[in-house]
Amino acid sequence: MRQVVIYPGEDGLWIAECPSLPGCVSQGTTRDEAIENIREAIRGYILALEQDHIAVPAERFETSGAEATA
């Protein structure tokens, strides 16, 4: 499973990116659409690497529930 970062963009769209796959970014008009679009982007990214006989980067990120306090 790949970790994905999702956040609202300045243009009102939701941005989704997969940090362990450099440049694998997508967007959507809703959060759910952005998630579906990044799933498709991840599948395509990995397929392209495999077709080109390039090693697929391992997932190297972890999540944390830590919050910063001010």
PDB file of N, CA and C in Angstrom:
ATOM      1  N   MET A   1       0.843  -1.178   0.000  1.00  0.00           N
ATOM      2  CA  MET A   1       0.000   0.000   0.000  1.00  0.00           C
ATOM      3  C   MET A   1       0.891   1.245   0.000  1.00  0.00           C
ATOM      4  N   ARG A   2       0.576   2.185  -0.828  1.00  0.00           N
ATOM      5  CA  ARG A   2       1.317   3.441  -0.930  1.00  0.00           C
ATOM      6  C   ARG A   2       0.660   4.514  -0.060  1.00  0.00           C
ATOM      7  N   GLN A   3       1.495   5.309   0.586  1.00  0.00           N
ATOM      8  CA  GLN A   3       1.000   6.448   1.343  1.00  0.00           C
ATOM      9  C   GLN A   3       0.713   7.584   0.364  1.00  0.00           C
ATOM     10  N   VAL A   4      -0.360   8.294   0.608  1.00  0.00           N
ATOM     11  CA  VAL A   4      -0.771   9.398  -0.256  1.00  0.00           C
ATOM     12  C   VAL A   4      -1.040  10.617   0.615  1.00  0.00           C
ATOM     13  N   VAL A   5      -0.620  11.770   0.130  1.00  0.00           N
ATOM     14  CA  VAL A   5      -0.886  13.040   0.803  1.00  0.00           C
ATOM     15  C   VAL A   5      -1.974  13.752   0.005  1.00  0.00           C
ATOM     16  N   ILE A   6      -3.008  14.190   0.703  1.00  0.00           N
ATOM     17  CA  ILE A   6      -4.131  14.869   0.049  1.00  0.00           C
ATOM     18  C   ILE A   6      -4.336  16.222   0.729  1.00  0.00           C
ATOM     19  N   TYR A   7      -4.461  17.247  -0.090  1.00  0.00           N
ATOM     20  CA  TYR A   7      -4.658  18.580   0.481  1.00  0.00           C
ATOM     21  C   TYR A   7      -5.407  19.457  -0.522  1.00  0.00           C
ATOM     22  N   PRO A   8      -6.114  20.475  -0.017  1.00  0.00           N
ATOM     23  CA  PRO A   8      -6.825  21.377  -0.931  1.00  0.00           C
ATOM     24  C   PRO A   8      -5.843  22.314  -1.625  1.00  0.00           C
ATOM     25  N   GLY A   9      -5.992  22.452  -2.936  1.00  0.00           N
ATOM     26  CA  GLY A   9      -5.142  23.353  -3.698  1.00  0.00           C
ATOM     27  C   GLY A   9      -5.689  24.763  -3.688  1.00  0.00           C
ATOM     28  N   GLU A  10      -4.874  25.691  -4.119  1.00  0.00           N
ATOM     29  CA  GLU A  10      -5.277  27.099  -4.138  1.00  0.00           C
ATOM     30  C   GLU A  10      -6.386  27.370  -5.144  1.00  0.00           C
ATOM     31  N   ASP A  11      -6.514  26.488  -6.144  1.00  0.00           N
ATOM     32  CA  ASP A  11      -7.507  26.693  -7.189  1.00  0.00           C
ATOM     33  C   ASP A  11      -8.845  26.021  -6.884  1.00  0.00           C
ATOM     34  N   GLY A  12      -8.989  25.487  -5.651  1.00  0.00           N
ATOM     35  CA  GLY A  12     -10.233  24.854  -5.251  1.00  0.00           C
ATOM     36  C   GLY A  12     -10.285  23.358  -5.526  1.00  0.00           C
ATOM     37  N   LEU A  13      -9.289  22.828  -6.241  1.00  0.00           N
ATOM     38  CA  LEU A  13      -9.222  21.397  -6.483  1.00  0.00           C
ATOM     39  C   LEU A  13      -8.482  20.705  -5.346  1.00  0.00           C
ATOM     40  N   TRP A  14      -8.710  19.417  -5.188  1.00  0.00           N
ATOM     41  CA  TRP A  14      -7.980  18.617  -4.213  1.00  0.00           C
ATOM     42  C   TRP A  14      -6.760  18.026  -4.906  1.00  0.00           C
ATOM     43  N   ILE A  15      -5.603  18.112  -4.277  1.00  0.00           N
ATOM     44  CA  ILE A  15      -4.355  17.589  -4.805  1.00  0.00           C
ATOM     45  C   ILE A  15      -4.025  16.304  -4.053  1.00  0.00           C
ATOM     46  N   ALA A  16      -3.568  15.298  -4.778  1.00  0.00           N
ATOM     47  CA  ALA A  16      -3.159  14.033  -4.173  1.00  0.00           C
ATOM     48  C   ALA A  16      -1.807  13.663  -4.755  1.00  0.00           C
ATOM     49  N   GLU A  17      -0.858  13.347  -3.890  1.00  0.00           N
ATOM     50  CA  GLU A  17       0.447  12.933  -4.377  1.00  0.00           C
ATOM     51  C   GLU A  17       0.972  11.754  -3.586  1.00  0.00           C
ATOM     52  N   CYS A  18       1.814  10.976  -4.246  1.00  0.00           N
ATOM     53  CA  CYS A  18       2.391   9.780  -3.651  1.00  0.00           C
ATOM     54  C   CYS A  18       3.889  10.031  -3.490  1.00  0.00           C
ATOM     55  N   PRO A  19       4.339  10.377  -2.289  1.00  0.00           N
ATOM     56  CA  PRO A  19       5.737  10.759  -2.086  1.00  0.00           C
ATOM     57  C   PRO A  19       6.756   9.685  -2.463  1.00  0.00           C
ATOM     58  N   SER A  20       6.410   8.410  -2.352  1.00  0.00           N
ATOM     59  CA  SER A  20       7.384   7.359  -2.661  1.00  0.00           C
ATOM     60  C   SER A  20       7.538   7.133  -4.167  1.00  0.00           C
ATOM     61  N   LEU A  21       6.689   7.766  -4.966  1.00  0.00           N
ATOM     62  CA  LEU A  21       6.792   7.696  -6.421  1.00  0.00           C
ATOM     63  C   LEU A  21       6.962   9.124  -6.938  1.00  0.00           C
ATOM     64  N   PRO A  22       8.195   9.594  -7.045  1.00  0.00           N
ATOM     65  CA  PRO A  22       8.453  10.991  -7.408  1.00  0.00           C
ATOM     66  C   PRO A  22       7.694  11.435  -8.663  1.00  0.00           C
ATOM     67  N   GLY A  23       6.979  12.533  -8.534  1.00  0.00           N
ATOM     68  CA  GLY A  23       6.228  13.093  -9.640  1.00  0.00           C
ATOM     69  C   GLY A  23       4.851  12.491  -9.839  1.00  0.00           C
ATOM     70  N   CYS A  24       4.469  11.542  -8.999  1.00  0.00           N
ATOM     71  CA  CYS A  24       3.147  10.919  -9.114  1.00  0.00           C
ATOM     72  C   CYS A  24       2.142  11.782  -8.361  1.00  0.00           C
ATOM     73  N   VAL A  25       1.462  12.633  -9.111  1.00  0.00           N
ATOM     74  CA  VAL A  25       0.537  13.615  -8.546  1.00  0.00           C
ATOM     75  C   VAL A  25      -0.745  13.591  -9.370  1.00  0.00           C
ATOM     76  N   SER A  26      -1.858  13.802  -8.711  1.00  0.00           N
ATOM     77  CA  SER A  26      -3.134  13.903  -9.408  1.00  0.00           C
ATOM     78  C   SER A  26      -3.998  14.924  -8.673  1.00  0.00           C
ATOM     79  N   GLN A  27      -5.207  15.111  -9.153  1.00  0.00           N
ATOM     80  CA  GLN A  27      -6.118  16.056  -8.512  1.00  0.00           C
ATOM     81  C   GLN A  27      -7.554  15.654  -8.805  1.00  0.00           C
ATOM     82  N   GLY A  28      -8.470  16.312  -8.151  1.00  0.00           N
ATOM     83  CA  GLY A  28      -9.888  16.065  -8.376  1.00  0.00           C
ATOM     84  C   GLY A  28     -10.704  17.208  -7.833  1.00  0.00           C
ATOM     85  N   THR A  29     -11.949  17.296  -8.282  1.00  0.00           N
ATOM     86  CA  THR A  29     -12.812  18.372  -7.805  1.00  0.00           C
ATOM     87  C   THR A  29     -13.306  18.110  -6.388  1.00  0.00           C
ATOM     88  N   THR A  30     -13.286  16.832  -5.994  1.00  0.00           N
ATOM     89  CA  THR A  30     -13.628  16.460  -4.617  1.00  0.00           C
ATOM     90  C   THR A  30     -12.481  15.622  -4.052  1.00  0.00           C
ATOM     91  N   ARG A  31     -12.476  15.467  -2.737  1.00  0.00           N
ATOM     92  CA  ARG A  31     -11.460  14.637  -2.088  1.00  0.00           C
ATOM     93  C   ARG A  31     -11.535  13.204  -2.604  1.00  0.00           C
ATOM     94  N   ASP A  32     -12.740  12.660  -2.698  1.00  0.00           N
ATOM     95  CA  ASP A  32     -12.925  11.287  -3.182  1.00  0.00           C
ATOM     96  C   ASP A  32     -12.440  11.128  -4.622  1.00  0.00           C
ATOM     97  N   GLU A  33     -12.716  12.106  -5.449  1.00  0.00           N
ATOM     98  CA  GLU A  33     -12.266  12.046  -6.837  1.00  0.00           C
ATOM     99  C   GLU A  33     -10.742  12.087  -6.905  1.00  0.00           C
ATOM    100  N   ALA A  34     -10.118  12.922  -6.078  1.00  0.00           N
ATOM    101  CA  ALA A  34      -8.653  12.987  -6.040  1.00  0.00           C
ATOM    102  C   ALA A  34      -8.064  11.645  -5.612  1.00  0.00           C
ATOM    103  N   ILE A  35      -8.698  10.985  -4.652  1.00  0.00           N
ATOM    104  CA  ILE A  35      -8.219   9.675  -4.198  1.00  0.00           C
ATOM    105  C   ILE A  35      -8.333   8.655  -5.330  1.00  0.00           C
ATOM    106  N   GLU A  36      -9.449   8.618  -6.004  1.00  0.00           N
ATOM    107  CA  GLU A  36      -9.603   7.675  -7.115  1.00  0.00           C
ATOM    108  C   GLU A  36      -8.592   7.973  -8.225  1.00  0.00           C
ATOM    109  N   ASN A  37      -8.386   9.253  -8.504  1.00  0.00           N
ATOM    110  CA  ASN A  37      -7.448   9.636  -9.562  1.00  0.00           C
ATOM    111  C   ASN A  37      -6.009   9.272  -9.205  1.00  0.00           C
ATOM    112  N   ILE A  38      -5.608   9.423  -7.940  1.00  0.00           N
ATOM    113  CA  ILE A  38      -4.236   9.075  -7.570  1.00  0.00           C
ATOM    114  C   ILE A  38      -4.062   7.558  -7.582  1.00  0.00           C
ATOM    115  N   ARG A  39      -5.097   6.818  -7.251  1.00  0.00           N
ATOM    116  CA  ARG A  39      -5.014   5.345  -7.365  1.00  0.00           C
ATOM    117  C   ARG A  39      -4.707   4.950  -8.805  1.00  0.00           C
ATOM    118  N   GLU A  40      -5.413   5.562  -9.734  1.00  0.00           N
ATOM    119  CA  GLU A  40      -5.185   5.293 -11.149  1.00  0.00           C
ATOM    120  C   GLU A  40      -3.783   5.731 -11.570  1.00  0.00           C
ATOM    121  N   ALA A  41      -3.345   6.892 -11.080  1.00  0.00           N
ATOM    122  CA  ALA A  41      -2.014   7.395 -11.408  1.00  0.00           C
ATOM    123  C   ALA A  41      -0.921   6.460 -10.872  1.00  0.00           C
ATOM    124  N   ILE A  42      -1.108   5.945  -9.662  1.00  0.00           N
ATOM    125  CA  ILE A  42      -0.132   5.017  -9.068  1.00  0.00           C
ATOM    126  C   ILE A  42      -0.061   3.743  -9.907  1.00  0.00           C
ATOM    127  N   ARG A  43      -1.210   3.199 -10.286  1.00  0.00           N
ATOM    128  CA  ARG A  43      -1.221   1.988 -11.123  1.00  0.00           C
ATOM    129  C   ARG A  43      -0.478   2.237 -12.438  1.00  0.00           C
ATOM    130  N   GLY A  44      -0.754   3.361 -13.066  1.00  0.00           N
ATOM    131  CA  GLY A  44      -0.098   3.690 -14.333  1.00  0.00           C
ATOM    132  C   GLY A  44       1.396   3.911 -14.176  1.00  0.00           C
ATOM    133  N   TYR A  45       1.788   4.569 -13.105  1.00  0.00           N
ATOM    134  CA  TYR A  45       3.201   4.850 -12.828  1.00  0.00           C
ATOM    135  C   TYR A  45       3.967   3.538 -12.682  1.00  0.00           C
ATOM    136  N   ILE A  46       3.423   2.640 -11.846  1.00  0.00           N
ATOM    137  CA  ILE A  46       4.092   1.363 -11.593  1.00  0.00           C
ATOM    138  C   ILE A  46       4.120   0.515 -12.869  1.00  0.00           C
ATOM    139  N   LEU A  47       3.040   0.493 -13.621  1.00  0.00           N
ATOM    140  CA  LEU A  47       2.996  -0.259 -14.866  1.00  0.00           C
ATOM    141  C   LEU A  47       4.060   0.247 -15.839  1.00  0.00           C
ATOM    142  N   ALA A  48       4.197   1.563 -15.960  1.00  0.00           N
ATOM    143  CA  ALA A  48       5.199   2.135 -16.865  1.00  0.00           C
ATOM    144  C   ALA A  48       6.612   1.738 -16.436  1.00  0.00           C
ATOM    145  N   LEU A  49       6.884   1.769 -15.135  1.00  0.00           N
ATOM    146  CA  LEU A  49       8.205   1.354 -14.656  1.00  0.00           C
ATOM    147  C   LEU A  49       8.459  -0.114 -15.001  1.00  0.00           C
ATOM    148  N   GLU A  50       7.474  -0.959 -14.744  1.00  0.00           N
ATOM    149  CA  GLU A  50       7.620  -2.393 -15.016  1.00  0.00           C
ATOM    150  C   GLU A  50       7.829  -2.654 -16.509  1.00  0.00           C
ATOM    151  N   GLN A  51       7.103  -1.949 -17.359  1.00  0.00           N
ATOM    152  CA  GLN A  51       7.247  -2.127 -18.806  1.00  0.00           C
ATOM    153  C   GLN A  51       8.634  -1.696 -19.287  1.00  0.00           C
ATOM    154  N   ASP A  52       9.210  -0.712 -18.606  1.00  0.00           N
ATOM    155  CA  ASP A  52      10.553  -0.225 -18.953  1.00  0.00           C
ATOM    156  C   ASP A  52      11.648  -0.964 -18.194  1.00  0.00           C
ATOM    157  N   HIS A  53      11.266  -2.002 -17.443  1.00  0.00           N
ATOM    158  CA  HIS A  53      12.216  -2.807 -16.657  1.00  0.00           C
ATOM    159  C   HIS A  53      13.024  -1.946 -15.682  1.00  0.00           C
ATOM    160  N   ILE A  54      12.317  -1.028 -15.042  1.00  0.00           N
ATOM    161  CA  ILE A  54      12.903  -0.151 -14.018  1.00  0.00           C
ATOM    162  C   ILE A  54      12.340  -0.578 -12.674  1.00  0.00           C
ATOM    163  N   ALA A  55      13.211  -0.655 -11.680  1.00  0.00           N
ATOM    164  CA  ALA A  55      12.776  -1.070 -10.344  1.00  0.00           C
ATOM    165  C   ALA A  55      11.736  -0.096  -9.793  1.00  0.00           C
ATOM    166  N   VAL A  56      10.700  -0.649  -9.199  1.00  0.00           N
ATOM    167  CA  VAL A  56       9.660   0.166  -8.569  1.00  0.00           C
ATOM    168  C   VAL A  56      10.158   0.567  -7.186  1.00  0.00           C
ATOM    169  N   PRO A  57      10.198   1.869  -6.878  1.00  0.00           N
ATOM    170  CA  PRO A  57      10.668   2.298  -5.555  1.00  0.00           C
ATOM    171  C   PRO A  57       9.821   1.700  -4.437  1.00  0.00           C
ATOM    172  N   ALA A  58      10.494   1.320  -3.375  1.00  0.00           N
ATOM    173  CA  ALA A  58       9.786   0.791  -2.206  1.00  0.00           C
ATOM    174  C   ALA A  58       9.069   1.934  -1.493  1.00  0.00           C
ATOM    175  N   GLU A  59       8.007   1.584  -0.779  1.00  0.00           N
ATOM    176  CA  GLU A  59       7.335   2.569   0.073  1.00  0.00           C
ATOM    177  C   GLU A  59       8.305   2.889   1.196  1.00  0.00           C
ATOM    178  N   ARG A  60       8.576   4.152   1.417  1.00  0.00           N
ATOM    179  CA  ARG A  60       9.566   4.521   2.419  1.00  0.00           C
ATOM    180  C   ARG A  60       9.051   5.525   3.444  1.00  0.00           C
ATOM    181  N   PHE A  61       7.764   5.743   3.448  1.00  0.00           N
ATOM    182  CA  PHE A  61       7.189   6.712   4.362  1.00  0.00           C
ATOM    183  C   PHE A  61       6.290   6.034   5.376  1.00  0.00           C
ATOM    184  N   GLU A  62       6.195   6.613   6.534  1.00  0.00           N
ATOM    185  CA  GLU A  62       5.298   6.146   7.581  1.00  0.00           C
ATOM    186  C   GLU A  62       4.377   7.293   7.953  1.00  0.00           C
ATOM    187  N   THR A  63       3.256   6.963   8.538  1.00  0.00           N
ATOM    188  CA  THR A  63       2.343   8.002   9.003  1.00  0.00           C
ATOM    189  C   THR A  63       2.434   8.123  10.511  1.00  0.00           C
ATOM    190  N   SER A  64       2.052   9.273  11.001  1.00  0.00           N
ATOM    191  CA  SER A  64       2.069   9.515  12.431  1.00  0.00           C
ATOM    192  C   SER A  64       0.862  10.369  12.798  1.00  0.00           C
ATOM    193  N   GLY A  65       0.345  10.157  13.965  1.00  0.00           N
ATOM    194  CA  GLY A  65      -0.767  10.961  14.437  1.00  0.00           C
ATOM    195  C   GLY A  65      -0.300  12.157  15.264  1.00  0.00           C
ATOM    196  N   ALA A  66       0.999  12.434  15.237  1.00  0.00           N
ATOM    197  CA  ALA A  66       1.552  13.530  16.020  1.00  0.00           C
ATOM    198  C   ALA A  66       1.041  14.869  15.503  1.00  0.00           C
ATOM    199  N   GLU A  67       0.734  15.751  16.429  1.00  0.00           N
ATOM    200  CA  GLU A  67       0.298  17.089  16.064  1.00  0.00           C
ATOM    201  C   GLU A  67       1.237  18.105  16.693  1.00  0.00           C
ATOM    202  N   ALA A  68       1.484  19.177  15.984  1.00  0.00           N
ATOM    203  CA  ALA A  68       2.299  20.259  16.514  1.00  0.00           C
ATOM    204  C   ALA A  68       1.424  21.146  17.395  1.00  0.00           C
ATOM    205  N   THR A  69       1.989  21.646  18.441  1.00  0.00           N
ATOM    206  CA  THR A  69       1.246  22.608  19.292  1.00  0.00           C
ATOM    207  C   THR A  69       1.939  23.941  19.231  1.00  0.00           C
ATOM    208  N   ALA A  70       1.158  24.966  19.293  1.00  0.00           N
ATOM    209  CA  ALA A  70       1.726  26.313  19.219  1.00  0.00           C
ATOM    210  C   ALA A  70       1.803  26.953  20.582  1.00  0.00           C
TER     211      ALA A  70
END
